[in-house]
Amino acid sequence: MLTTAIMRQMWPHAPATTVNAIVSTCQDVFAEYQINSPLRVAHFMAQISHECGLGTIVREDMNYRAQRISEIFGYDKAKQRWVHSARVTDAEAAQLAHNPKGLAERVYGLGNPPKAKELGNTRPGDGYLFRGNGMLQLTGGGSHRRIGSLTGFDLYNHPEMLEDAGTSFRVAAAEFKALGAMPYADRDDVTGVTLKVNGGRNGLAQRTVLLAKWKEALPGVEEPVQRPRGAPEPADKALSQSKIMQGATVTGGLTLLGTGAQVAQYAQTTSDAVTTAKGAADNMVNVVQTVKPFLGLAPSVWVGVAIGCGVAALIGCGYVMWQRYLKLRDQGV
């Protein structure tokens, strides 16, 4: 599914070794981790494209200037809120500028205890050692240990293994599945996929743009039909519109007409009986016209209606036969 031409189109600045590793392993990797539809591939590739800078980033750099540190880990003055649990002040940002190890320890390591616990960074230096790594920027000692055990790579003791493009691609696919992103990809929900992969909405706009580009580049991508937000669930088809009900109505009508014909034939020797049968037939037409507005009733209601009609038909037949008997008795037959 991923060809050299497609990869070169989408990742124009990626090293040739990275492109070749993906093209040569993608079929096996996608089969192993159930990334087995064009839509799933599009979502997966959009996410790793964002995380690894279209194949140009292996490890998170952390070599930021002060302003960028404040934007990522500090206080958003426009929105009046902290954007990261580290809550790095402007003064700290100035001190941590261009200090990758110090910044990683402050935001991912023991300098940020809640985040360190969340990421499984338990030792001094783990923040930098287990910073964003590989094509899906695996972060934290806990994730390195967990995803490593799923793939058979000792990533906890050797995080540098993700510098190999083939290994990194396979680990990214394993992580994508383990994070539970697949159902959201099937629904074409880029926000849901991003929340699973990133833990937030960081870079959502770019991820959305990349997804659109991957959908164009990959053959066979079919987007699921989306209902408008807030739209009610589609109503069940009215019973009168179903083929089963239409067939049952026709069959029932023919049966009733056949029954009426037999009654009329049986009673044709007397004008009174014919008149009675004709009146019954006219009544049947009136009944049909009356019930037309109710053809959208629930099936359980129609069961009762069907039973009632059957009983009414039997009573009508019995009445005609009783009238015929009385007539013949009066004539001395």
Protein backbone atom coordinates (compact mmCIF):
# COMPACT_ATOMS: atom_id res chain seq x y z
CA MET A 1 0.00 0.00 0.00
CA LEU A 2 2.88 2.37 0.78
CA THR A 3 5.10 2.74 -2.26
CA THR A 4 8.36 4.62 -2.64
CA ALA A 5 6.58 7.16 -4.85
CA ILE A 6 3.90 7.83 -2.22
CA MET A 7 6.44 8.09 0.59
CA ARG A 8 8.62 10.47 -1.43
CA GLN A 9 5.56 12.59 -2.19
CA MET A 10 4.46 12.76 1.46
CA TRP A 11 7.89 12.78 3.17
CA PRO A 12 10.07 14.67 0.65
CA HIS A 13 12.92 15.37 3.09
CA ALA A 14 13.06 12.01 4.87
CA PRO A 15 16.31 10.03 4.50
CA ALA A 16 16.26 7.33 1.84
CA THR A 17 16.98 4.71 4.51
CA THR A 18 13.81 5.73 6.37
CA VAL A 19 11.63 5.56 3.24
CA ASN A 20 13.08 2.20 2.20
CA ALA A 21 12.58 0.74 5.68
CA ILE A 22 8.91 1.70 5.72
CA VAL A 23 8.16 0.51 2.19
CA SER A 24 9.87 -2.84 2.77
CA THR A 25 8.19 -3.59 6.12
CA CYS A 26 4.77 -1.89 5.93
CA GLN A 27 2.88 -4.89 4.58
CA ASP A 28 3.96 -7.17 7.43
CA VAL A 29 3.64 -4.45 10.07
CA PHE A 30 0.14 -3.43 9.01
CA ALA A 31 -1.00 -7.05 8.94
CA GLU A 32 0.44 -7.76 12.40
CA TYR A 33 -1.16 -4.74 14.08
CA GLN A 34 -4.47 -4.71 12.17
CA ILE A 35 -3.87 -1.43 10.38
CA ASN A 36 -5.68 -3.21 7.61
CA SER A 37 -7.80 -0.65 5.78
CA PRO A 38 -6.83 2.40 3.70
CA LEU A 39 -8.60 4.67 6.22
CA ARG A 40 -6.64 3.20 9.15
CA VAL A 41 -3.40 3.59 7.21
CA ALA A 42 -4.25 7.22 6.43
CA HIS A 43 -4.89 8.04 10.10
CA PHE A 44 -1.78 6.19 11.27
CA MET A 45 0.48 7.84 8.72
CA ALA A 46 -1.00 11.29 9.44
CA GLN A 47 -0.22 10.89 13.13
CA ILE A 48 3.35 9.69 12.70
CA SER A 49 3.92 12.32 10.00
CA HIS A 50 3.12 15.02 12.54
CA GLU A 51 5.06 13.43 15.40
CA CYS A 52 8.27 12.75 13.49
CA GLY A 53 8.24 15.82 11.24
CA LEU A 54 7.58 13.88 8.02
CA GLY A 55 10.39 11.48 8.79
CA THR A 56 12.99 14.04 9.82
CA ILE A 57 12.79 13.76 13.65
CA VAL A 58 14.05 10.71 15.55
CA ARG A 59 14.31 12.06 19.13
CA GLU A 60 12.57 15.05 20.67
CA ASP A 61 15.11 17.87 20.53
CA MET A 62 14.17 19.80 23.71
CA ASN A 63 16.62 22.51 22.59
CA TYR A 64 14.09 25.35 22.73
CA ARG A 65 14.39 29.09 23.11
CA ALA A 66 12.64 30.71 26.06
CA GLN A 67 9.59 31.89 24.13
CA ARG A 68 8.94 28.42 22.73
CA ILE A 69 9.31 26.85 26.19
CA SER A 70 6.66 29.21 27.52
CA GLU A 71 4.35 28.38 24.60
CA ILE A 72 4.62 24.62 25.16
CA PHE A 73 5.03 24.31 28.92
CA GLY A 74 4.05 27.69 30.34
CA TYR A 75 1.08 30.02 30.74
CA ASP A 76 -1.15 31.06 27.86
CA LYS A 77 -1.89 34.70 28.55
CA ALA A 78 -4.54 34.91 25.85
CA LYS A 79 -6.54 31.97 27.19
CA GLN A 80 -5.62 32.68 30.81
CA ARG A 81 -4.57 29.12 31.61
CA TRP A 82 -1.56 26.88 32.02
CA VAL A 83 -0.93 24.73 28.95
CA HIS A 84 1.11 22.02 30.66
CA SER A 85 1.25 20.39 34.08
CA ALA A 86 4.86 21.56 34.47
CA ARG A 87 3.69 25.19 34.76
CA VAL A 88 7.03 26.60 33.68
CA THR A 89 7.23 30.31 34.45
CA ASP A 90 8.75 32.84 32.11
CA ALA A 91 11.68 33.20 34.50
CA GLU A 92 12.30 29.44 34.43
CA ALA A 93 11.94 29.40 30.65
CA ALA A 94 14.77 31.92 30.39
CA GLN A 95 17.01 29.69 32.53
CA LEU A 96 16.09 26.48 30.65
CA ALA A 97 16.52 27.93 27.16
CA HIS A 98 18.86 25.77 25.03
CA ASN A 99 19.33 23.35 27.94
CA PRO A 100 17.73 20.11 26.64
CA LYS A 101 18.58 17.89 29.61
CA GLY A 102 17.54 20.47 32.17
CA LEU A 103 14.24 21.18 30.39
CA ALA A 104 13.40 17.48 29.94
CA GLU A 105 14.04 16.81 33.62
CA ARG A 106 11.89 19.81 34.60
CA VAL A 107 8.83 18.93 32.49
CA TYR A 108 9.03 15.12 32.11
CA GLY A 109 11.24 14.03 34.99
CA LEU A 110 11.47 14.47 38.74
CA GLY A 111 11.17 18.24 38.35
CA ASN A 112 7.48 17.63 37.60
CA PRO A 113 6.47 14.84 40.04
CA PRO A 114 2.88 14.25 38.76
CA LYS A 115 4.04 13.95 35.15
CA ALA A 116 7.06 11.83 36.12
CA LYS A 117 4.75 9.40 37.90
CA GLU A 118 2.37 9.34 34.96
CA LEU A 119 5.20 8.63 32.50
CA GLY A 120 7.01 6.10 34.65
CA ASN A 121 10.14 8.21 34.98
CA THR A 122 11.48 7.17 38.38
CA ARG A 123 15.20 8.00 38.24
CA PRO A 124 17.15 11.24 37.82
CA GLY A 125 17.77 11.71 34.12
CA ASP A 126 14.76 9.64 32.97
CA GLY A 127 13.03 12.75 31.69
CA TYR A 128 15.70 13.25 29.06
CA LEU A 129 16.45 9.55 28.47
CA PHE A 130 12.81 8.79 27.71
CA ARG A 131 11.86 12.02 25.95
CA GLY A 132 9.86 11.76 22.72
CA ASN A 133 11.35 8.86 20.79
CA GLY A 134 10.72 7.29 17.40
CA MET A 135 8.10 7.89 14.73
CA LEU A 136 5.26 8.22 17.21
CA GLN A 137 7.45 9.99 19.77
CA LEU A 138 7.10 7.35 22.47
CA THR A 139 7.54 9.22 25.77
CA GLY A 140 8.30 8.03 29.31
CA GLY A 141 10.02 5.02 30.82
CA GLY A 142 6.70 3.27 31.41
CA SER A 143 5.72 3.46 27.74
CA HIS A 144 9.17 2.31 26.62
CA ARG A 145 8.87 -0.71 28.88
CA ARG A 146 5.26 -1.52 27.94
CA ILE A 147 5.50 -1.13 24.16
CA GLY A 148 8.90 -2.80 24.19
CA SER A 149 7.36 -5.89 25.78
CA LEU A 150 4.65 -5.95 23.10
CA THR A 151 7.16 -5.87 20.27
CA GLY A 152 10.01 -7.87 21.75
CA PHE A 153 12.43 -4.93 21.90
CA ASP A 154 14.15 -3.95 25.15
CA LEU A 155 13.32 -0.28 24.74
CA TYR A 156 13.55 0.50 28.45
CA ASN A 157 17.24 -0.40 28.65
CA HIS A 158 17.98 0.55 25.05
CA PRO A 159 15.76 3.45 23.93
CA GLU A 160 18.31 4.16 21.22
CA MET A 161 16.91 1.17 19.31
CA LEU A 162 14.21 3.49 17.99
CA GLU A 163 16.84 5.31 15.97
CA ASP A 164 16.49 2.45 13.49
CA ALA A 165 13.68 3.34 11.08
CA GLY A 166 12.37 -0.21 10.67
CA THR A 167 12.19 -0.76 14.43
CA SER A 168 10.65 2.66 14.96
CA PHE A 169 7.93 2.05 12.36
CA ARG A 170 6.97 -1.29 13.89
CA VAL A 171 6.90 0.14 17.42
CA ALA A 172 4.78 3.07 16.25
CA ALA A 173 2.22 0.67 14.77
CA ALA A 174 2.15 -1.36 17.98
CA GLU A 175 1.66 1.79 20.04
CA PHE A 176 -1.10 3.05 17.72
CA LYS A 177 -3.03 -0.17 18.31
CA ALA A 178 -2.25 -0.39 22.04
CA LEU A 179 -3.47 3.17 22.62
CA GLY A 180 -6.90 2.25 21.28
CA ALA A 181 -6.80 4.61 18.30
CA MET A 182 -8.22 2.11 15.80
CA PRO A 183 -11.97 2.55 16.49
CA TYR A 184 -11.62 6.32 16.11
CA ALA A 185 -9.78 5.85 12.83
CA ASP A 186 -12.62 3.64 11.59
CA ARG A 187 -15.04 6.48 12.38
CA ASP A 188 -12.70 8.96 10.66
CA ASP A 189 -12.49 10.89 13.93
CA VAL A 190 -9.15 12.70 13.77
CA THR A 191 -9.77 14.41 17.12
CA GLY A 192 -10.39 11.07 18.83
CA VAL A 193 -7.28 9.54 17.27
CA THR A 194 -5.20 12.56 18.33
CA LEU A 195 -6.45 12.36 21.92
CA LYS A 196 -5.41 8.71 22.07
CA VAL A 197 -2.00 9.25 20.49
CA ASN A 198 -1.06 12.59 22.03
CA GLY A 199 -3.08 12.60 25.24
CA GLY A 200 -4.36 16.05 24.21
CA ARG A 201 -5.11 18.11 21.12
CA ASN A 202 -1.59 19.35 20.44
CA GLY A 203 -1.08 19.89 16.72
CA LEU A 204 -4.66 18.91 15.86
CA ALA A 205 -4.87 21.42 13.01
CA GLN A 206 -1.74 20.08 11.33
CA ARG A 207 -2.77 16.48 11.93
CA THR A 208 -6.09 17.22 10.21
CA VAL A 209 -4.34 18.73 7.20
CA LEU A 210 -1.95 15.78 6.99
CA LEU A 211 -4.84 13.34 7.17
CA ALA A 212 -6.51 15.00 4.18
CA LYS A 213 -3.26 14.75 2.22
CA TRP A 214 -2.80 11.08 3.08
CA LYS A 215 -6.35 10.33 2.00
CA GLU A 216 -5.56 11.87 -1.37
CA ALA A 217 -2.25 10.04 -1.71
CA LEU A 218 -3.48 6.57 -0.75
CA PRO A 219 -5.67 4.52 -3.09
CA GLY A 220 -9.01 3.15 -1.93
CA VAL A 221 -9.70 5.43 1.04
CA GLU A 222 -13.45 5.49 1.70
CA GLU A 223 -14.73 7.87 4.34
CA PRO A 224 -17.67 6.66 6.43
CA VAL A 225 -20.94 8.56 6.07
CA GLN A 226 -21.11 11.20 8.80
CA ARG A 227 -24.41 12.32 10.32
CA PRO A 228 -24.65 16.06 11.07
CA ARG A 229 -23.72 16.86 14.66
CA GLY A 230 -26.83 16.80 16.84
CA ALA A 231 -28.95 15.14 14.18
CA PRO A 232 -31.50 12.64 15.54
CA GLU A 233 -31.00 8.96 14.95
CA PRO A 234 -32.62 7.90 11.66
CA ALA A 235 -36.20 6.79 12.28
CA ASP A 236 -37.18 3.23 11.61
CA LYS A 237 -38.86 2.74 8.28
CA ALA A 238 -42.64 2.94 8.64
CA LEU A 239 -44.21 -0.51 8.66
CA SER A 240 -46.40 0.43 5.70
CA GLN A 241 -43.21 1.10 3.65
CA SER A 242 -41.53 -2.21 4.32
CA LYS A 243 -41.62 -4.88 1.64
CA ILE A 244 -42.73 -7.45 4.18
CA MET A 245 -45.75 -5.38 5.24
CA GLN A 246 -46.61 -4.45 1.69
CA GLY A 247 -46.52 -8.10 0.72
CA ALA A 248 -48.58 -9.06 3.73
CA THR A 249 -51.14 -6.38 2.92
CA VAL A 250 -51.54 -7.56 -0.68
CA THR A 251 -51.74 -11.20 0.39
CA GLY A 252 -54.24 -10.40 3.11
CA GLY A 253 -56.36 -8.35 0.73
CA LEU A 254 -56.43 -11.13 -1.84
CA THR A 255 -57.34 -13.64 0.85
CA LEU A 256 -60.18 -11.49 2.12
CA LEU A 257 -61.43 -10.88 -1.42
CA GLY A 258 -61.24 -14.60 -2.13
CA THR A 259 -63.22 -15.34 1.00
CA GLY A 260 -65.81 -12.76 0.02
CA ALA A 261 -66.11 -14.29 -3.44
CA GLN A 262 -66.69 -17.75 -1.99
CA VAL A 263 -69.37 -16.43 0.35
CA ALA A 264 -71.08 -14.59 -2.49
CA GLN A 265 -70.98 -17.73 -4.66
CA TYR A 266 -72.41 -19.85 -1.86
CA ALA A 267 -75.23 -17.37 -1.25
CA GLN A 268 -75.92 -16.36 -4.87
CA THR A 269 -79.24 -18.24 -4.95
CA THR A 270 -80.84 -15.59 -2.75
CA SER A 271 -80.80 -11.88 -3.40
CA ASP A 272 -80.80 -11.17 0.32
CA ALA A 273 -77.52 -13.05 0.80
CA VAL A 274 -75.94 -11.29 -2.18
CA THR A 275 -76.99 -7.95 -0.79
CA THR A 276 -75.53 -8.89 2.58
CA ALA A 277 -72.25 -10.01 1.03
CA LYS A 278 -72.06 -6.82 -1.02
CA GLY A 279 -72.60 -4.79 2.10
CA ALA A 280 -69.83 -6.71 3.84
CA ALA A 281 -67.48 -6.07 0.91
CA ASP A 282 -68.32 -2.37 1.01
CA ASN A 283 -67.62 -2.39 4.72
CA MET A 284 -64.24 -4.01 4.06
CA VAL A 285 -63.35 -1.17 1.65
CA ASN A 286 -64.37 1.35 4.28
CA VAL A 287 -62.23 -0.43 6.87
CA VAL A 288 -59.17 -0.31 4.57
CA GLN A 289 -59.68 3.39 3.94
CA THR A 290 -60.04 3.97 7.67
CA VAL A 291 -56.85 2.19 8.69
CA LYS A 292 -54.62 3.80 6.04
CA PRO A 293 -53.53 6.62 8.37
CA PHE A 294 -52.38 4.06 10.92
CA LEU A 295 -50.01 2.11 8.64
CA GLY A 296 -47.01 3.44 10.52
CA LEU A 297 -48.00 1.69 13.75
CA ALA A 298 -45.60 -0.58 15.59
CA PRO A 299 -45.52 -4.29 14.67
CA SER A 300 -47.01 -5.30 18.05
CA VAL A 301 -50.08 -3.15 17.31
CA TRP A 302 -50.43 -4.71 13.89
CA VAL A 303 -50.53 -8.17 15.43
CA GLY A 304 -53.63 -7.11 17.36
CA VAL A 305 -55.12 -5.52 14.24
CA ALA A 306 -54.52 -8.69 12.22
CA ILE A 307 -56.18 -10.87 14.87
CA GLY A 308 -59.15 -8.48 15.04
CA CYS A 309 -59.57 -8.54 11.26
CA GLY A 310 -59.46 -12.31 11.23
CA VAL A 311 -62.15 -12.55 13.91
CA ALA A 312 -64.28 -9.98 12.06
CA ALA A 313 -64.02 -11.97 8.85
CA LEU A 314 -65.09 -15.18 10.59
CA ILE A 315 -68.04 -13.40 12.20
CA GLY A 316 -69.07 -11.98 8.82
CA CYS A 317 -68.95 -15.41 7.17
CA GLY A 318 -70.91 -16.91 10.04
CA TYR A 319 -73.53 -14.19 9.80
CA VAL A 320 -74.06 -14.77 6.07
CA MET A 321 -74.34 -18.52 6.58
CA TRP A 322 -76.79 -18.02 9.46
CA GLN A 323 -78.96 -15.75 7.32
CA ARG A 324 -78.90 -18.36 4.55
CA TYR A 325 -79.97 -21.05 7.01
CA LEU A 326 -82.89 -18.95 8.29
CA LYS A 327 -84.04 -18.23 4.75
CA LEU A 328 -83.97 -21.88 3.77
CA ARG A 329 -85.77 -22.86 6.99
CA ASP A 330 -88.54 -20.35 6.35
CA GLN A 331 -88.96 -21.80 2.84
CA GLY A 332 -89.37 -25.25 4.33
CA VAL A 333 -86.20 -26.65 2.87
